[in-house]
Amino acid sequence: MDDQFTFAEAAAKFILARTPLRPRIGLVLGSGLGGFADSLTDAVRIPYSEIPALSRSTAIGHAGQMVIGKSSAVPVAVMQGRLHLYEGYSAQQITFPMRVFGRMGIRSVILTNAAGGFNLNYQQGALVLIRDHINLQGANPLIGANDDRFGLRFPDMTHTYAKDYRQAAQQEGRQLGMTLHEGVYAALPGPSYETPAEINYLRVIGADLVGMSTVLEAIAARHTEIKVLAISCVTNMAAGILDQPLSHQEVMETGERVKASFEALLHAILPRIASDKEIV
């Protein structure tokens, strides 16, 4: 894209013209977690193929549409599926929706994903709040000429994942009787799953779980000063943790199993984020 700002502005205007809602919170739903978008009221659904300059999602379990609607009384913009490096997209294409969110007036995002867990405190189906990440994807959406209309050339990543949002999520999780873990997410490009040796390496360098998404989106969001909460669903234990092969079917099945608790947590968190004075 030659001018992401101009394209993002056009895409944002196209989306907002389809709905009277003006959300300040965006969500990205990962593999097996897209059902939340079906629970929204007053919803408008826009396929990615209709949105100017937005690439199509080809991953299994990703519906590939933007849903604007309400969770209770909170208006939200939801990406029902995302883009990945393994689909052949560039870091800029993957993070273009974050640019569109910014031009729509969105000031907070909740990024969700399916991840492989190797912290032995986690079990399959655990929900983990990401407190930090390790980018091993060999890509960064900010490489190239910086557009100051989006943000600074060298954005700080010290507090990528908002501590106050994690605290709010923990509080709401306790109210729901849920145990929420916190951990460090390592992002690799995929699409092959990691080897047991790679998982050992990730554990040594300080990661708790691994996936193929989220980090590039978080970088682009913070570049635009959008606050970030990220939640991983541990849909499988990573290679070498259990003596069994990994499969995408397992990812989808676990996502379906935790669907009710995952959606309940999102519905509970959204009013807390909506009350954040920094985003009003």
C-alpha atoms as a PDB file:
ATOM      1  CA  MET A   1       0.000   0.000   0.000  1.00  0.00           C
ATOM      2  CA  ASP A   2       1.461   3.349  -1.010  1.00  0.00           C
ATOM      3  CA  ASP A   3      -0.536   5.448   1.444  1.00  0.00           C
ATOM      4  CA  GLN A   4      -2.029   3.448   4.288  1.00  0.00           C
ATOM      5  CA  PHE A   5      -3.466   6.536   5.931  1.00  0.00           C
ATOM      6  CA  THR A   6      -5.569   7.464   2.884  1.00  0.00           C
ATOM      7  CA  PHE A   7      -6.737   3.864   2.408  1.00  0.00           C
ATOM      8  CA  ALA A   8      -7.514   3.490   6.126  1.00  0.00           C
ATOM      9  CA  GLU A   9      -9.516   6.719   6.055  1.00  0.00           C
ATOM     10  CA  ALA A  10     -11.549   5.485   3.067  1.00  0.00           C
ATOM     11  CA  ALA A  11     -12.196   2.095   4.675  1.00  0.00           C
ATOM     12  CA  ALA A  12     -13.270   3.711   7.952  1.00  0.00           C
ATOM     13  CA  LYS A  13     -15.716   6.031   6.171  1.00  0.00           C
ATOM     14  CA  PHE A  14     -17.136   3.062   4.236  1.00  0.00           C
ATOM     15  CA  ILE A  15     -17.743   1.076   7.445  1.00  0.00           C
ATOM     16  CA  LEU A  16     -19.210   3.973   9.435  1.00  0.00           C
ATOM     17  CA  ALA A  17     -21.586   4.770   6.598  1.00  0.00           C
ATOM     18  CA  ARG A  18     -23.174   1.339   7.132  1.00  0.00           C
ATOM     19  CA  THR A  19     -24.153   1.865  10.780  1.00  0.00           C
ATOM     20  CA  PRO A  20     -25.307   4.651  13.130  1.00  0.00           C
ATOM     21  CA  LEU A  21     -23.098   3.187  15.893  1.00  0.00           C
ATOM     22  CA  ARG A  22     -19.796   4.865  16.717  1.00  0.00           C
ATOM     23  CA  PRO A  23     -17.756   2.290  18.633  1.00  0.00           C
ATOM     24  CA  ARG A  24     -14.697   3.218  20.684  1.00  0.00           C
ATOM     25  CA  ILE A  25     -13.717  -0.419  21.278  1.00  0.00           C
ATOM     26  CA  GLY A  26     -12.562  -2.939  18.671  1.00  0.00           C
ATOM     27  CA  LEU A  27     -12.133  -6.707  18.978  1.00  0.00           C
ATOM     28  CA  VAL A  28     -10.235  -9.253  16.918  1.00  0.00           C
ATOM     29  CA  LEU A  29     -11.520 -12.812  17.283  1.00  0.00           C
ATOM     30  CA  GLY A  30      -9.064 -15.657  16.706  1.00  0.00           C
ATOM     31  CA  SER A  31      -9.395 -19.282  15.611  1.00  0.00           C
ATOM     32  CA  GLY A  32     -12.446 -20.977  17.108  1.00  0.00           C
ATOM     33  CA  LEU A  33     -13.435 -17.824  19.015  1.00  0.00           C
ATOM     34  CA  GLY A  34     -15.549 -16.024  16.424  1.00  0.00           C
ATOM     35  CA  GLY A  35     -18.904 -16.916  17.984  1.00  0.00           C
ATOM     36  CA  PHE A  36     -18.893 -13.816  20.184  1.00  0.00           C
ATOM     37  CA  ALA A  37     -19.766 -11.670  17.159  1.00  0.00           C
ATOM     38  CA  ASP A  38     -22.984 -13.643  16.701  1.00  0.00           C
ATOM     39  CA  SER A  39     -24.205 -12.489  20.127  1.00  0.00           C
ATOM     40  CA  LEU A  40     -24.173  -8.778  19.274  1.00  0.00           C
ATOM     41  CA  THR A  41     -27.406  -6.833  18.891  1.00  0.00           C
ATOM     42  CA  ASP A  42     -28.234  -4.164  16.284  1.00  0.00           C
ATOM     43  CA  ALA A  43     -25.469  -5.793  14.247  1.00  0.00           C
ATOM     44  CA  VAL A  44     -24.287  -4.928  10.759  1.00  0.00           C
ATOM     45  CA  ARG A  45     -22.039  -7.480   9.052  1.00  0.00           C
ATOM     46  CA  ILE A  46     -19.627  -6.408   6.315  1.00  0.00           C
ATOM     47  CA  PRO A  47     -17.499  -9.016   4.504  1.00  0.00           C
ATOM     48  CA  TYR A  48     -13.823  -8.065   4.292  1.00  0.00           C
ATOM     49  CA  SER A  49     -14.114  -8.388   0.508  1.00  0.00           C
ATOM     50  CA  GLU A  50     -16.411  -5.336   0.476  1.00  0.00           C
ATOM     51  CA  ILE A  51     -14.198  -3.075   2.593  1.00  0.00           C
ATOM     52  CA  PRO A  52     -11.816  -0.956   0.494  1.00  0.00           C
ATOM     53  CA  ALA A  53      -8.154  -2.111   0.622  1.00  0.00           C
ATOM     54  CA  LEU A  54      -8.821  -4.807   3.261  1.00  0.00           C
ATOM     55  CA  SER A  55      -7.459  -8.250   2.364  1.00  0.00           C
ATOM     56  CA  ARG A  56      -9.497 -11.436   2.731  1.00  0.00           C
ATOM     57  CA  SER A  57      -8.990 -13.916   5.552  1.00  0.00           C
ATOM     58  CA  THR A  58      -8.327 -17.443   4.269  1.00  0.00           C
ATOM     59  CA  ALA A  59      -7.651 -19.236   7.569  1.00  0.00           C
ATOM     60  CA  ILE A  60      -9.949 -22.057   8.689  1.00  0.00           C
ATOM     61  CA  GLY A  61     -12.322 -20.897  11.411  1.00  0.00           C
ATOM     62  CA  HIS A  62     -12.130 -17.222  10.427  1.00  0.00           C
ATOM     63  CA  ALA A  63     -15.419 -15.908   9.019  1.00  0.00           C
ATOM     64  CA  GLY A  64     -13.748 -12.911   7.393  1.00  0.00           C
ATOM     65  CA  GLN A  65     -16.199 -10.137   8.201  1.00  0.00           C
ATOM     66  CA  MET A  66     -16.442  -6.948  10.232  1.00  0.00           C
ATOM     67  CA  VAL A  67     -19.381  -6.871  12.634  1.00  0.00           C
ATOM     68  CA  ILE A  68     -20.540  -3.576  14.162  1.00  0.00           C
ATOM     69  CA  GLY A  69     -23.035  -4.046  16.980  1.00  0.00           C
ATOM     70  CA  LYS A  70     -23.711  -3.810  20.690  1.00  0.00           C
ATOM     71  CA  SER A  71     -22.651  -5.965  23.601  1.00  0.00           C
ATOM     72  CA  SER A  72     -25.321  -4.964  26.118  1.00  0.00           C
ATOM     73  CA  ALA A  73     -25.225  -1.171  25.640  1.00  0.00           C
ATOM     74  CA  VAL A  74     -21.599  -0.994  24.503  1.00  0.00           C
ATOM     75  CA  PRO A  75     -21.057  -0.420  20.752  1.00  0.00           C
ATOM     76  CA  VAL A  76     -18.143  -2.447  19.387  1.00  0.00           C
ATOM     77  CA  ALA A  77     -16.427  -3.158  16.079  1.00  0.00           C
ATOM     78  CA  VAL A  78     -15.501  -6.817  15.773  1.00  0.00           C
ATOM     79  CA  MET A  79     -13.172  -8.507  13.318  1.00  0.00           C
ATOM     80  CA  GLN A  80     -14.572 -12.004  12.970  1.00  0.00           C
ATOM     81  CA  GLY A  81     -11.278 -13.478  11.827  1.00  0.00           C
ATOM     82  CA  ARG A  82      -7.867 -11.973  11.078  1.00  0.00           C
ATOM     83  CA  LEU A  83      -4.984 -12.111   8.598  1.00  0.00           C
ATOM     84  CA  HIS A  84      -1.683 -13.954   9.148  1.00  0.00           C
ATOM     85  CA  LEU A  85       1.833 -13.997   7.743  1.00  0.00           C
ATOM     86  CA  TYR A  86       1.390 -17.659   6.794  1.00  0.00           C
ATOM     87  CA  GLU A  87      -1.401 -16.685   4.407  1.00  0.00           C
ATOM     88  CA  GLY A  88       1.191 -14.745   2.427  1.00  0.00           C
ATOM     89  CA  TYR A  89       0.207 -11.300   3.668  1.00  0.00           C
ATOM     90  CA  SER A  90       2.697  -8.590   4.628  1.00  0.00           C
ATOM     91  CA  ALA A  91       2.913  -7.115   8.121  1.00  0.00           C
ATOM     92  CA  GLN A  92       1.295  -3.950   6.749  1.00  0.00           C
ATOM     93  CA  GLN A  93      -1.650  -5.868   5.290  1.00  0.00           C
ATOM     94  CA  ILE A  94      -2.130  -7.824   8.520  1.00  0.00           C
ATOM     95  CA  THR A  95      -2.250  -4.661  10.617  1.00  0.00           C
ATOM     96  CA  PHE A  96      -4.294  -2.564   8.200  1.00  0.00           C
ATOM     97  CA  PRO A  97      -7.454  -3.234  10.269  1.00  0.00           C
ATOM     98  CA  MET A  98      -5.750  -1.569  13.264  1.00  0.00           C
ATOM     99  CA  ARG A  99      -5.197   1.488  11.068  1.00  0.00           C
ATOM    100  CA  VAL A 100      -8.858   1.393  10.063  1.00  0.00           C
ATOM    101  CA  PHE A 101      -9.911   1.063  13.702  1.00  0.00           C
ATOM    102  CA  GLY A 102      -7.874   4.154  14.524  1.00  0.00           C
ATOM    103  CA  ARG A 103      -9.530   6.185  11.763  1.00  0.00           C
ATOM    104  CA  MET A 104     -12.952   4.982  12.993  1.00  0.00           C
ATOM    105  CA  GLY A 105     -12.251   6.580  16.361  1.00  0.00           C
ATOM    106  CA  ILE A 106     -11.553   3.346  18.212  1.00  0.00           C
ATOM    107  CA  ARG A 107      -9.241   3.875  21.189  1.00  0.00           C
ATOM    108  CA  SER A 108      -9.121   0.378  22.736  1.00  0.00           C
ATOM    109  CA  VAL A 109      -8.835  -3.112  21.275  1.00  0.00           C
ATOM    110  CA  ILE A 110      -9.231  -6.603  22.658  1.00  0.00           C
ATOM    111  CA  LEU A 111      -7.071  -9.032  20.691  1.00  0.00           C
ATOM    112  CA  THR A 112      -7.880 -12.730  21.095  1.00  0.00           C
ATOM    113  CA  ASN A 113      -6.173 -15.830  19.801  1.00  0.00           C
ATOM    114  CA  ALA A 114      -5.827 -19.571  20.049  1.00  0.00           C
ATOM    115  CA  ALA A 115      -2.420 -20.513  21.425  1.00  0.00           C
ATOM    116  CA  GLY A 116      -0.276 -23.484  22.352  1.00  0.00           C
ATOM    117  CA  GLY A 117       0.586 -23.573  26.028  1.00  0.00           C
ATOM    118  CA  PHE A 118       3.767 -24.897  27.606  1.00  0.00           C
ATOM    119  CA  ASN A 119       3.633 -23.275  31.031  1.00  0.00           C
ATOM    120  CA  LEU A 120       2.730 -26.318  33.125  1.00  0.00           C
ATOM    121  CA  ASN A 121       0.328 -24.226  35.203  1.00  0.00           C
ATOM    122  CA  TYR A 122      -1.937 -24.038  32.154  1.00  0.00           C
ATOM    123  CA  GLN A 123      -4.410 -26.663  31.072  1.00  0.00           C
ATOM    124  CA  GLN A 124      -6.104 -27.071  27.729  1.00  0.00           C
ATOM    125  CA  GLY A 125      -8.920 -24.521  27.582  1.00  0.00           C
ATOM    126  CA  ALA A 126      -7.227 -22.058  29.970  1.00  0.00           C
ATOM    127  CA  LEU A 127      -7.667 -18.337  29.300  1.00  0.00           C
ATOM    128  CA  VAL A 128      -4.461 -16.320  29.582  1.00  0.00           C
ATOM    129  CA  LEU A 129      -4.094 -12.540  29.683  1.00  0.00           C
ATOM    130  CA  ILE A 130      -1.001 -11.560  27.716  1.00  0.00           C
ATOM    131  CA  ARG A 131       1.234  -9.297  29.809  1.00  0.00           C
ATOM    132  CA  ASP A 132       4.095  -9.115  27.274  1.00  0.00           C
ATOM    133  CA  HIS A 133       5.249 -10.647  24.016  1.00  0.00           C
ATOM    134  CA  ILE A 134       8.316 -11.884  22.153  1.00  0.00           C
ATOM    135  CA  ASN A 135       8.211 -11.158  18.433  1.00  0.00           C
ATOM    136  CA  LEU A 136       9.922 -13.980  16.524  1.00  0.00           C
ATOM    137  CA  GLN A 137       7.966 -13.495  13.306  1.00  0.00           C
ATOM    138  CA  GLY A 138      10.797 -11.736  11.475  1.00  0.00           C
ATOM    139  CA  ALA A 139       8.433  -8.882  10.620  1.00  0.00           C
ATOM    140  CA  ASN A 140       7.289  -5.558  12.021  1.00  0.00           C
ATOM    141  CA  PRO A 141       4.446  -3.420  10.616  1.00  0.00           C
ATOM    142  CA  LEU A 142       6.442  -0.225  11.259  1.00  0.00           C
ATOM    143  CA  ILE A 143       9.308  -1.096   8.904  1.00  0.00           C
ATOM    144  CA  GLY A 144       9.533   1.460   6.096  1.00  0.00           C
ATOM    145  CA  ALA A 145       8.793   5.162   5.988  1.00  0.00           C
ATOM    146  CA  ASN A 146       6.924   6.334   9.074  1.00  0.00           C
ATOM    147  CA  ASP A 147       3.644   8.187   8.626  1.00  0.00           C
ATOM    148  CA  ASP A 148       3.495  10.699  11.468  1.00  0.00           C
ATOM    149  CA  ARG A 149      -0.294  10.863  11.077  1.00  0.00           C
ATOM    150  CA  PHE A 150      -0.402   7.381  12.622  1.00  0.00           C
ATOM    151  CA  GLY A 151       2.250   7.758  15.296  1.00  0.00           C
ATOM    152  CA  LEU A 152       5.876   8.231  16.320  1.00  0.00           C
ATOM    153  CA  ARG A 153       8.799   6.716  14.449  1.00  0.00           C
ATOM    154  CA  PHE A 154       9.977   4.831  17.583  1.00  0.00           C
ATOM    155  CA  PRO A 155       6.951   3.952  19.743  1.00  0.00           C
ATOM    156  CA  ASP A 156       7.575   2.650  23.254  1.00  0.00           C
ATOM    157  CA  MET A 157       6.559  -0.984  23.833  1.00  0.00           C
ATOM    158  CA  THR A 158       7.154  -1.108  27.593  1.00  0.00           C
ATOM    159  CA  HIS A 159       3.449  -1.191  28.403  1.00  0.00           C
ATOM    160  CA  THR A 160       2.062  -2.746  25.230  1.00  0.00           C
ATOM    161  CA  TYR A 161      -0.687  -4.580  27.119  1.00  0.00           C
ATOM    162  CA  ALA A 162      -2.563  -2.196  29.429  1.00  0.00           C
ATOM    163  CA  LYS A 163      -2.144  -3.154  33.097  1.00  0.00           C
ATOM    164  CA  ASP A 164      -5.434  -1.546  34.121  1.00  0.00           C
ATOM    165  CA  TYR A 165      -7.306  -3.597  31.528  1.00  0.00           C
ATOM    166  CA  ARG A 166      -5.672  -6.801  32.792  1.00  0.00           C
ATOM    167  CA  GLN A 167      -6.658  -5.892  36.347  1.00  0.00           C
ATOM    168  CA  ALA A 168     -10.246  -5.252  35.257  1.00  0.00           C
ATOM    169  CA  ALA A 169     -10.314  -8.591  33.431  1.00  0.00           C
ATOM    170  CA  GLN A 170      -9.032 -10.384  36.532  1.00  0.00           C
ATOM    171  CA  GLN A 171     -11.728  -8.782  38.653  1.00  0.00           C
ATOM    172  CA  GLU A 172     -14.495  -9.693  36.220  1.00  0.00           C
ATOM    173  CA  GLY A 173     -13.078 -13.203  35.866  1.00  0.00           C
ATOM    174  CA  ARG A 174     -13.259 -13.728  39.630  1.00  0.00           C
ATOM    175  CA  GLN A 175     -16.863 -12.532  39.633  1.00  0.00           C
ATOM    176  CA  LEU A 176     -17.587 -15.218  37.028  1.00  0.00           C
ATOM    177  CA  GLY A 177     -15.739 -17.883  39.018  1.00  0.00           C
ATOM    178  CA  MET A 178     -12.976 -18.124  36.425  1.00  0.00           C
ATOM    179  CA  THR A 179      -9.227 -18.469  36.892  1.00  0.00           C
ATOM    180  CA  LEU A 180      -7.363 -16.201  34.487  1.00  0.00           C
ATOM    181  CA  HIS A 181      -3.631 -16.709  34.077  1.00  0.00           C
ATOM    182  CA  GLU A 182      -1.136 -14.115  32.833  1.00  0.00           C
ATOM    183  CA  GLY A 183       1.781 -14.895  30.576  1.00  0.00           C
ATOM    184  CA  VAL A 184       4.256 -13.988  27.854  1.00  0.00           C
ATOM    185  CA  TYR A 185       3.184 -14.802  24.287  1.00  0.00           C
ATOM    186  CA  ALA A 186       5.752 -15.751  21.658  1.00  0.00           C
ATOM    187  CA  ALA A 187       4.727 -15.103  18.049  1.00  0.00           C
ATOM    188  CA  LEU A 188       6.126 -17.266  15.237  1.00  0.00           C
ATOM    189  CA  PRO A 189       5.144 -17.046  11.566  1.00  0.00           C
ATOM    190  CA  GLY A 190       3.703 -20.580  11.091  1.00  0.00           C
ATOM    191  CA  PRO A 191       1.854 -22.298   9.530  1.00  0.00           C
ATOM    192  CA  SER A 192       3.741 -25.378  10.764  1.00  0.00           C
ATOM    193  CA  TYR A 193       3.483 -25.981  14.476  1.00  0.00           C
ATOM    194  CA  GLU A 194       6.639 -25.635  16.536  1.00  0.00           C
ATOM    195  CA  THR A 195       9.011 -28.529  17.187  1.00  0.00           C
ATOM    196  CA  PRO A 196       9.661 -29.783  20.731  1.00  0.00           C
ATOM    197  CA  ALA A 197      13.161 -28.228  20.526  1.00  0.00           C
ATOM    198  CA  GLU A 198      11.660 -24.865  19.558  1.00  0.00           C
ATOM    199  CA  ILE A 199       9.253 -25.075  22.495  1.00  0.00           C
ATOM    200  CA  ASN A 200      12.178 -25.745  24.836  1.00  0.00           C
ATOM    201  CA  TYR A 201      13.904 -22.674  23.396  1.00  0.00           C
ATOM    202  CA  LEU A 202      10.807 -20.527  23.901  1.00  0.00           C
ATOM    203  CA  ARG A 203      10.535 -21.660  27.499  1.00  0.00           C
ATOM    204  CA  VAL A 204      14.189 -20.791  28.125  1.00  0.00           C
ATOM    205  CA  ILE A 205      13.788 -17.243  26.751  1.00  0.00           C
ATOM    206  CA  GLY A 206      10.792 -16.541  28.983  1.00  0.00           C
ATOM    207  CA  ALA A 207       7.634 -17.355  27.022  1.00  0.00           C
ATOM    208  CA  ASP A 208       4.599 -19.201  28.375  1.00  0.00           C
ATOM    209  CA  LEU A 209       2.565 -19.759  25.229  1.00  0.00           C
ATOM    210  CA  VAL A 210       2.990 -19.559  21.482  1.00  0.00           C
ATOM    211  CA  GLY A 211       0.930 -18.586  18.457  1.00  0.00           C
ATOM    212  CA  MET A 212       0.995 -17.147  14.948  1.00  0.00           C
ATOM    213  CA  SER A 213      -0.791 -13.814  15.371  1.00  0.00           C
ATOM    214  CA  THR A 214      -1.614 -10.862  17.659  1.00  0.00           C
ATOM    215  CA  VAL A 215       1.854  -9.328  18.141  1.00  0.00           C
ATOM    216  CA  LEU A 216       1.955  -7.363  14.872  1.00  0.00           C
ATOM    217  CA  GLU A 217      -1.557  -6.060  15.575  1.00  0.00           C
ATOM    218  CA  ALA A 218      -0.519  -5.003  19.086  1.00  0.00           C
ATOM    219  CA  ILE A 219       2.504  -3.116  17.729  1.00  0.00           C
ATOM    220  CA  ALA A 220       0.382  -1.261  15.170  1.00  0.00           C
ATOM    221  CA  ALA A 221      -2.288  -0.488  17.764  1.00  0.00           C
ATOM    222  CA  ARG A 222       0.213   1.022  20.178  1.00  0.00           C
ATOM    223  CA  HIS A 223       1.806   2.995  17.329  1.00  0.00           C
ATOM    224  CA  THR A 224      -1.614   4.625  16.934  1.00  0.00           C
ATOM    225  CA  GLU A 225      -1.993   4.981  20.737  1.00  0.00           C
ATOM    226  CA  ILE A 226      -4.805   2.447  20.913  1.00  0.00           C
ATOM    227  CA  LYS A 227      -4.845   0.669  24.289  1.00  0.00           C
ATOM    228  CA  VAL A 228      -4.574  -3.123  24.129  1.00  0.00           C
ATOM    229  CA  LEU A 229      -5.952  -6.063  26.083  1.00  0.00           C
ATOM    230  CA  ALA A 230      -4.979  -9.468  24.688  1.00  0.00           C
ATOM    231  CA  ILE A 231      -6.465 -12.828  25.686  1.00  0.00           C
ATOM    232  CA  SER A 232      -5.189 -16.230  24.591  1.00  0.00           C
ATOM    233  CA  CYS A 233      -7.209 -19.417  24.760  1.00  0.00           C
ATOM    234  CA  VAL A 234      -4.855 -22.362  25.287  1.00  0.00           C
ATOM    235  CA  THR A 235      -6.465 -24.636  22.729  1.00  0.00           C
ATOM    236  CA  ASN A 236      -3.656 -27.202  22.804  1.00  0.00           C
ATOM    237  CA  MET A 237      -0.565 -28.003  24.795  1.00  0.00           C
ATOM    238  CA  ALA A 238       2.490 -27.243  22.663  1.00  0.00           C
ATOM    239  CA  ALA A 239       4.753 -29.805  21.005  1.00  0.00           C
ATOM    240  CA  GLY A 240       6.575 -32.086  23.430  1.00  0.00           C
ATOM    241  CA  ILE A 241       4.338 -31.259  26.408  1.00  0.00           C
ATOM    242  CA  LEU A 242       2.006 -34.166  25.679  1.00  0.00           C
ATOM    243  CA  ASP A 243       2.997 -37.231  23.683  1.00  0.00           C
ATOM    244  CA  GLN A 244       0.527 -36.640  20.861  1.00  0.00           C
ATOM    245  CA  PRO A 245       0.472 -34.831  17.499  1.00  0.00           C
ATOM    246  CA  LEU A 246      -1.000 -31.334  17.125  1.00  0.00           C
ATOM    247  CA  SER A 247      -3.956 -30.546  14.851  1.00  0.00           C
ATOM    248  CA  HIS A 248      -6.077 -27.561  13.896  1.00  0.00           C
ATOM    249  CA  GLN A 249      -9.168 -29.664  14.595  1.00  0.00           C
ATOM    250  CA  GLU A 250      -8.121 -29.785  18.252  1.00  0.00           C
ATOM    251  CA  VAL A 251      -7.824 -25.988  18.236  1.00  0.00           C
ATOM    252  CA  MET A 252     -11.348 -25.581  16.889  1.00  0.00           C
ATOM    253  CA  GLU A 253     -12.844 -28.170  19.261  1.00  0.00           C
ATOM    254  CA  THR A 254     -11.304 -26.535  22.328  1.00  0.00           C
ATOM    255  CA  GLY A 255     -12.502 -23.104  21.174  1.00  0.00           C
ATOM    256  CA  GLU A 256     -16.022 -24.490  20.975  1.00  0.00           C
ATOM    257  CA  ARG A 257     -15.714 -26.055  24.447  1.00  0.00           C
ATOM    258  CA  VAL A 258     -14.714 -22.781  26.147  1.00  0.00           C
ATOM    259  CA  LYS A 259     -17.078 -20.655  24.055  1.00  0.00           C
ATOM    260  CA  ALA A 260     -19.552 -19.881  26.853  1.00  0.00           C
ATOM    261  CA  SER A 261     -16.965 -18.807  29.439  1.00  0.00           C
ATOM    262  CA  PHE A 262     -14.924 -16.873  26.878  1.00  0.00           C
ATOM    263  CA  GLU A 263     -17.953 -14.923  25.669  1.00  0.00           C
ATOM    264  CA  ALA A 264     -19.153 -14.284  29.229  1.00  0.00           C
ATOM    265  CA  LEU A 265     -15.755 -12.792  30.060  1.00  0.00           C
ATOM    266  CA  LEU A 266     -15.810 -10.503  27.016  1.00  0.00           C
ATOM    267  CA  HIS A 267     -19.331  -9.289  27.798  1.00  0.00           C
ATOM    268  CA  ALA A 268     -18.235  -8.543  31.381  1.00  0.00           C
ATOM    269  CA  ILE A 269     -15.025  -6.735  30.417  1.00  0.00           C
ATOM    270  CA  LEU A 270     -16.477  -4.449  27.752  1.00  0.00           C
ATOM    271  CA  PRO A 271     -18.427  -2.123  30.102  1.00  0.00           C
ATOM    272  CA  ARG A 272     -15.273  -1.736  32.211  1.00  0.00           C
ATOM    273  CA  ILE A 273     -13.234  -0.698  29.187  1.00  0.00           C
ATOM    274  CA  ALA A 274     -16.040   1.559  27.955  1.00  0.00           C
ATOM    275  CA  SER A 275     -15.806   3.465  31.249  1.00  0.00           C
ATOM    276  CA  ASP A 276     -12.109   4.213  30.677  1.00  0.00           C
ATOM    277  CA  LYS A 277     -11.903   8.009  30.562  1.00  0.00           C
ATOM    278  CA  GLU A 278      -8.851   7.816  28.299  1.00  0.00           C
ATOM    279  CA  ILE A 279     -10.941   6.483  25.400  1.00  0.00           C
ATOM    280  CA  VAL A 280     -14.126   8.577  25.708  1.00  0.00           C
END
